[in-house]
Amino acid sequence: DWRVSKNGQTQATAEGAGCCTNGCCFCYCPLLVCSGKAKWLMVKDAGGNEMFTVQQQLFPCWPWAFAMATCFAPCGMLLASHTACCELCKGNLGQELRQPIFRE
């Protein structure tokens, strides 16, 4: 969990999804959840109210896709680091990541 503080006062917190944040079916057998969105991170204000969430759009066989991505991650990291090095040598931004944030 993360905290944003100002003058010792907590302004906001960020926490990862809990066991049942996305429902009991997702908790017990995520393989059977083939659509909808899953929350992975929640940003809450000082009162504990959700301000923003980071979500993922689910699709059929999404756990399989994640498993394959994990298996091939070393190849991807090698390629990405080589590409980033070449771009940096050219004076360009190496990599830009974009993540949609949803307001609750």
N, C-alpha and C. Protein backbone atom coordinates (compact mmCIF):
# COMPACT_ATOMS: atom_id res chain seq x y z
N ASP A 1 0.84 -1.19 0.00
CA ASP A 1 0.00 0.00 0.00
C ASP A 1 0.88 1.25 0.00
N TRP A 2 0.36 2.32 -0.59
CA TRP A 2 1.08 3.58 -0.67
C TRP A 2 0.25 4.69 -0.07
N ARG A 3 0.92 5.71 0.46
CA ARG A 3 0.23 6.85 1.05
C ARG A 3 0.79 8.15 0.47
N VAL A 4 -0.10 9.12 0.30
CA VAL A 4 0.30 10.47 -0.08
C VAL A 4 -0.02 11.34 1.13
N SER A 5 1.03 11.98 1.68
CA SER A 5 0.85 12.80 2.87
C SER A 5 1.29 14.23 2.60
N LYS A 6 0.65 15.15 3.32
CA LYS A 6 1.02 16.56 3.26
C LYS A 6 1.00 17.07 4.69
N ASN A 7 2.15 17.57 5.16
CA ASN A 7 2.29 18.05 6.53
C ASN A 7 1.86 16.99 7.55
N GLY A 8 2.20 15.73 7.26
CA GLY A 8 1.88 14.64 8.19
C GLY A 8 0.45 14.12 8.10
N GLN A 9 -0.39 14.74 7.28
CA GLN A 9 -1.79 14.32 7.13
C GLN A 9 -1.92 13.45 5.87
N THR A 10 -2.55 12.30 5.99
CA THR A 10 -2.76 11.44 4.83
C THR A 10 -3.80 12.07 3.91
N GLN A 11 -3.42 12.29 2.65
CA GLN A 11 -4.32 12.88 1.66
C GLN A 11 -4.99 11.81 0.82
N ALA A 12 -4.26 10.74 0.50
CA ALA A 12 -4.79 9.66 -0.33
C ALA A 12 -3.97 8.41 -0.08
N THR A 13 -4.56 7.27 -0.39
CA THR A 13 -3.87 5.99 -0.31
C THR A 13 -4.12 5.22 -1.60
N ALA A 14 -3.21 4.35 -1.92
CA ALA A 14 -3.38 3.45 -3.07
C ALA A 14 -3.15 2.04 -2.57
N GLU A 15 -4.04 1.14 -2.95
CA GLU A 15 -3.89 -0.24 -2.51
C GLU A 15 -4.28 -1.19 -3.63
N GLY A 16 -3.63 -2.33 -3.62
CA GLY A 16 -3.93 -3.35 -4.61
C GLY A 16 -5.25 -4.03 -4.32
N ALA A 17 -5.74 -4.75 -5.30
CA ALA A 17 -7.02 -5.46 -5.16
C ALA A 17 -6.90 -6.55 -4.10
N GLY A 18 -7.92 -6.67 -3.31
CA GLY A 18 -7.97 -7.72 -2.31
C GLY A 18 -8.52 -9.02 -2.88
N CYS A 19 -8.64 -10.00 -2.05
CA CYS A 19 -9.08 -11.33 -2.46
C CYS A 19 -10.44 -11.31 -3.16
N CYS A 20 -11.40 -10.59 -2.61
CA CYS A 20 -12.75 -10.59 -3.17
C CYS A 20 -13.15 -9.25 -3.79
N THR A 21 -12.19 -8.40 -4.10
CA THR A 21 -12.49 -7.10 -4.70
C THR A 21 -13.28 -7.25 -5.99
N ASN A 22 -12.94 -8.24 -6.79
CA ASN A 22 -13.60 -8.44 -8.08
C ASN A 22 -14.69 -9.51 -8.04
N GLY A 23 -15.15 -9.85 -6.86
CA GLY A 23 -16.23 -10.81 -6.71
C GLY A 23 -15.73 -12.19 -6.34
N CYS A 24 -16.63 -12.99 -5.79
CA CYS A 24 -16.27 -14.33 -5.33
C CYS A 24 -15.90 -15.26 -6.47
N CYS A 25 -16.59 -15.18 -7.61
CA CYS A 25 -16.28 -16.05 -8.75
C CYS A 25 -14.86 -15.79 -9.24
N PHE A 26 -14.47 -14.53 -9.30
CA PHE A 26 -13.11 -14.17 -9.73
C PHE A 26 -12.10 -14.68 -8.72
N CYS A 27 -12.45 -14.65 -7.45
CA CYS A 27 -11.56 -15.11 -6.39
C CYS A 27 -11.35 -16.62 -6.45
N TYR A 28 -12.44 -17.37 -6.60
CA TYR A 28 -12.35 -18.83 -6.55
C TYR A 28 -11.86 -19.45 -7.85
N CYS A 29 -12.27 -18.92 -9.00
CA CYS A 29 -11.85 -19.51 -10.28
C CYS A 29 -11.83 -18.44 -11.37
N PRO A 30 -10.76 -17.66 -11.44
CA PRO A 30 -10.69 -16.59 -12.44
C PRO A 30 -10.73 -17.12 -13.88
N LEU A 31 -10.43 -18.41 -14.09
CA LEU A 31 -10.48 -18.98 -15.44
C LEU A 31 -11.89 -18.93 -16.02
N LEU A 32 -12.90 -18.90 -15.17
CA LEU A 32 -14.29 -18.90 -15.64
C LEU A 32 -14.83 -17.50 -15.91
N VAL A 33 -14.06 -16.46 -15.58
CA VAL A 33 -14.49 -15.08 -15.82
C VAL A 33 -13.91 -14.65 -17.16
N CYS A 34 -14.78 -14.52 -18.17
CA CYS A 34 -14.31 -14.27 -19.54
C CYS A 34 -14.67 -12.88 -20.06
N SER A 35 -15.30 -12.06 -19.26
CA SER A 35 -15.67 -10.72 -19.73
C SER A 35 -15.74 -9.78 -18.53
N GLY A 36 -15.89 -8.52 -18.83
CA GLY A 36 -15.97 -7.51 -17.78
C GLY A 36 -14.62 -6.90 -17.50
N LYS A 37 -14.50 -6.26 -16.35
CA LYS A 37 -13.26 -5.61 -15.96
C LYS A 37 -12.85 -6.09 -14.58
N ALA A 38 -11.55 -6.14 -14.36
CA ALA A 38 -11.02 -6.50 -13.05
C ALA A 38 -10.23 -5.31 -12.51
N LYS A 39 -10.49 -4.96 -11.26
CA LYS A 39 -9.74 -3.88 -10.61
C LYS A 39 -8.42 -4.45 -10.11
N TRP A 40 -7.33 -3.71 -10.36
CA TRP A 40 -6.03 -4.13 -9.86
C TRP A 40 -5.47 -3.15 -8.82
N LEU A 41 -5.90 -1.88 -8.89
CA LEU A 41 -5.39 -0.87 -7.97
C LEU A 41 -6.48 0.16 -7.72
N MET A 42 -6.64 0.57 -6.47
CA MET A 42 -7.62 1.59 -6.11
C MET A 42 -6.90 2.75 -5.40
N VAL A 43 -7.20 3.98 -5.80
CA VAL A 43 -6.69 5.18 -5.14
C VAL A 43 -7.87 5.76 -4.36
N LYS A 44 -7.67 5.92 -3.05
CA LYS A 44 -8.76 6.39 -2.18
C LYS A 44 -8.36 7.69 -1.52
N ASP A 45 -9.37 8.53 -1.26
CA ASP A 45 -9.10 9.79 -0.57
C ASP A 45 -8.94 9.52 0.93
N ALA A 46 -8.73 10.57 1.70
CA ALA A 46 -8.49 10.43 3.15
C ALA A 46 -9.67 9.80 3.86
N GLY A 47 -10.87 9.93 3.30
CA GLY A 47 -12.06 9.34 3.90
C GLY A 47 -12.29 7.89 3.52
N GLY A 48 -11.43 7.34 2.66
CA GLY A 48 -11.58 5.94 2.25
C GLY A 48 -12.45 5.75 1.02
N ASN A 49 -12.88 6.83 0.37
CA ASN A 49 -13.71 6.74 -0.83
C ASN A 49 -12.82 6.57 -2.07
N GLU A 50 -13.21 5.66 -2.96
CA GLU A 50 -12.44 5.45 -4.19
C GLU A 50 -12.50 6.69 -5.08
N MET A 51 -11.32 7.16 -5.49
CA MET A 51 -11.24 8.29 -6.40
C MET A 51 -10.93 7.80 -7.81
N PHE A 52 -9.96 6.88 -7.92
CA PHE A 52 -9.53 6.35 -9.21
C PHE A 52 -9.29 4.85 -9.07
N THR A 53 -9.41 4.13 -10.19
CA THR A 53 -9.07 2.72 -10.21
C THR A 53 -8.29 2.40 -11.48
N VAL A 54 -7.41 1.42 -11.38
CA VAL A 54 -6.73 0.88 -12.55
C VAL A 54 -7.38 -0.48 -12.80
N GLN A 55 -7.94 -0.64 -14.00
CA GLN A 55 -8.70 -1.84 -14.33
C GLN A 55 -8.15 -2.50 -15.59
N GLN A 56 -8.50 -3.76 -15.73
CA GLN A 56 -8.12 -4.51 -16.93
C GLN A 56 -9.38 -5.08 -17.56
N GLN A 57 -9.48 -4.93 -18.87
CA GLN A 57 -10.59 -5.53 -19.62
C GLN A 57 -10.30 -7.02 -19.77
N LEU A 58 -11.22 -7.87 -19.32
CA LEU A 58 -11.05 -9.32 -19.42
C LEU A 58 -11.60 -9.84 -20.74
N PHE A 59 -11.07 -10.94 -21.20
CA PHE A 59 -11.50 -11.57 -22.45
C PHE A 59 -11.35 -13.08 -22.28
N PRO A 60 -11.99 -13.88 -23.14
CA PRO A 60 -11.86 -15.33 -23.02
C PRO A 60 -10.38 -15.74 -23.07
N CYS A 61 -10.01 -16.66 -22.23
CA CYS A 61 -8.64 -17.22 -22.14
C CYS A 61 -7.61 -16.20 -21.68
N TRP A 62 -8.01 -15.14 -20.99
CA TRP A 62 -7.04 -14.14 -20.54
C TRP A 62 -5.99 -14.73 -19.59
N PRO A 63 -6.32 -15.71 -18.72
CA PRO A 63 -5.25 -16.26 -17.87
C PRO A 63 -4.18 -16.98 -18.70
N TRP A 64 -4.59 -17.63 -19.79
CA TRP A 64 -3.64 -18.30 -20.67
C TRP A 64 -2.72 -17.28 -21.32
N ALA A 65 -3.29 -16.17 -21.77
CA ALA A 65 -2.48 -15.11 -22.39
C ALA A 65 -1.46 -14.56 -21.39
N PHE A 66 -1.85 -14.39 -20.13
CA PHE A 66 -0.92 -13.91 -19.11
C PHE A 66 0.18 -14.93 -18.87
N ALA A 67 -0.17 -16.21 -18.85
CA ALA A 67 0.84 -17.26 -18.65
C ALA A 67 1.85 -17.27 -19.79
N MET A 68 1.37 -17.14 -21.02
CA MET A 68 2.27 -17.11 -22.17
C MET A 68 3.16 -15.87 -22.14
N ALA A 69 2.59 -14.74 -21.73
CA ALA A 69 3.37 -13.51 -21.63
C ALA A 69 4.49 -13.67 -20.60
N THR A 70 4.19 -14.37 -19.51
CA THR A 70 5.19 -14.60 -18.48
C THR A 70 6.31 -15.50 -19.00
N CYS A 71 5.94 -16.54 -19.76
CA CYS A 71 6.94 -17.47 -20.30
C CYS A 71 7.89 -16.78 -21.28
N PHE A 72 7.36 -15.86 -22.08
CA PHE A 72 8.17 -15.19 -23.09
C PHE A 72 8.69 -13.83 -22.65
N ALA A 73 8.53 -13.50 -21.37
CA ALA A 73 8.98 -12.21 -20.85
C ALA A 73 10.47 -11.96 -21.05
N PRO A 74 11.35 -12.94 -20.82
CA PRO A 74 12.78 -12.66 -21.04
C PRO A 74 13.10 -12.23 -22.47
N CYS A 75 12.46 -12.83 -23.47
CA CYS A 75 12.68 -12.42 -24.86
C CYS A 75 12.19 -10.99 -25.07
N GLY A 76 11.03 -10.68 -24.52
CA GLY A 76 10.48 -9.33 -24.66
C GLY A 76 11.34 -8.29 -23.98
N MET A 77 11.86 -8.61 -22.79
CA MET A 77 12.73 -7.66 -22.08
C MET A 77 14.03 -7.41 -22.84
N LEU A 78 14.58 -8.45 -23.43
CA LEU A 78 15.81 -8.29 -24.21
C LEU A 78 15.56 -7.39 -25.41
N LEU A 79 14.48 -7.65 -26.13
CA LEU A 79 14.14 -6.84 -27.30
C LEU A 79 13.84 -5.39 -26.91
N ALA A 80 13.07 -5.21 -25.83
CA ALA A 80 12.70 -3.87 -25.39
C ALA A 80 13.92 -3.08 -24.94
N SER A 81 14.85 -3.73 -24.23
CA SER A 81 16.03 -3.00 -23.76
C SER A 81 16.93 -2.61 -24.94
N HIS A 82 17.04 -3.48 -25.94
CA HIS A 82 17.83 -3.15 -27.13
C HIS A 82 17.21 -1.98 -27.88
N THR A 83 15.89 -2.03 -28.07
CA THR A 83 15.18 -0.96 -28.77
C THR A 83 15.30 0.36 -28.00
N ALA A 84 15.14 0.31 -26.66
CA ALA A 84 15.24 1.51 -25.84
C ALA A 84 16.65 2.11 -25.93
N CYS A 85 17.67 1.26 -25.94
CA CYS A 85 19.05 1.74 -26.05
C CYS A 85 19.26 2.45 -27.38
N CYS A 86 18.77 1.86 -28.46
CA CYS A 86 18.92 2.48 -29.79
C CYS A 86 18.20 3.82 -29.85
N GLU A 87 16.99 3.89 -29.30
CA GLU A 87 16.23 5.15 -29.30
C GLU A 87 16.91 6.22 -28.44
N LEU A 88 17.46 5.81 -27.30
CA LEU A 88 18.15 6.75 -26.42
C LEU A 88 19.39 7.31 -27.11
N CYS A 89 20.11 6.46 -27.84
CA CYS A 89 21.29 6.93 -28.57
C CYS A 89 20.91 7.93 -29.67
N LYS A 90 19.70 7.82 -30.20
CA LYS A 90 19.22 8.76 -31.21
C LYS A 90 18.68 10.05 -30.58
N GLY A 91 18.58 10.06 -29.24
CA GLY A 91 18.06 11.25 -28.55
C GLY A 91 16.55 11.22 -28.39
N ASN A 92 15.94 10.07 -28.62
CA ASN A 92 14.48 9.94 -28.49
C ASN A 92 14.11 9.33 -27.15
N LEU A 93 12.85 9.51 -26.78
CA LEU A 93 12.32 8.88 -25.59
C LEU A 93 12.36 7.37 -25.79
N GLY A 94 12.91 6.65 -24.84
CA GLY A 94 13.07 5.20 -24.99
C GLY A 94 11.76 4.45 -25.03
N GLN A 95 10.86 4.74 -24.12
CA GLN A 95 9.60 4.00 -24.06
C GLN A 95 8.57 4.85 -23.34
N GLU A 96 7.37 4.86 -23.85
CA GLU A 96 6.28 5.60 -23.23
C GLU A 96 5.18 4.61 -22.90
N LEU A 97 4.74 4.62 -21.66
CA LEU A 97 3.66 3.73 -21.21
C LEU A 97 2.42 4.56 -20.94
N ARG A 98 1.29 4.05 -21.37
CA ARG A 98 0.01 4.72 -21.12
C ARG A 98 -0.93 3.75 -20.42
N GLN A 99 -1.56 4.21 -19.35
CA GLN A 99 -2.49 3.38 -18.60
C GLN A 99 -3.73 4.22 -18.33
N PRO A 100 -4.90 3.78 -18.80
CA PRO A 100 -6.11 4.55 -18.51
C PRO A 100 -6.45 4.48 -17.02
N ILE A 101 -6.86 5.60 -16.47
CA ILE A 101 -7.29 5.69 -15.08
C ILE A 101 -8.77 6.02 -15.10
N PHE A 102 -9.56 5.29 -14.31
CA PHE A 102 -11.01 5.46 -14.29
C PHE A 102 -11.43 6.19 -13.03
N ARG A 103 -12.23 7.22 -13.19
CA ARG A 103 -12.77 7.96 -12.05
C ARG A 103 -14.05 7.25 -11.59
N GLU A 104 -14.13 7.01 -10.29
CA GLU A 104 -15.30 6.33 -9.72
C GLU A 104 -16.42 7.33 -9.48
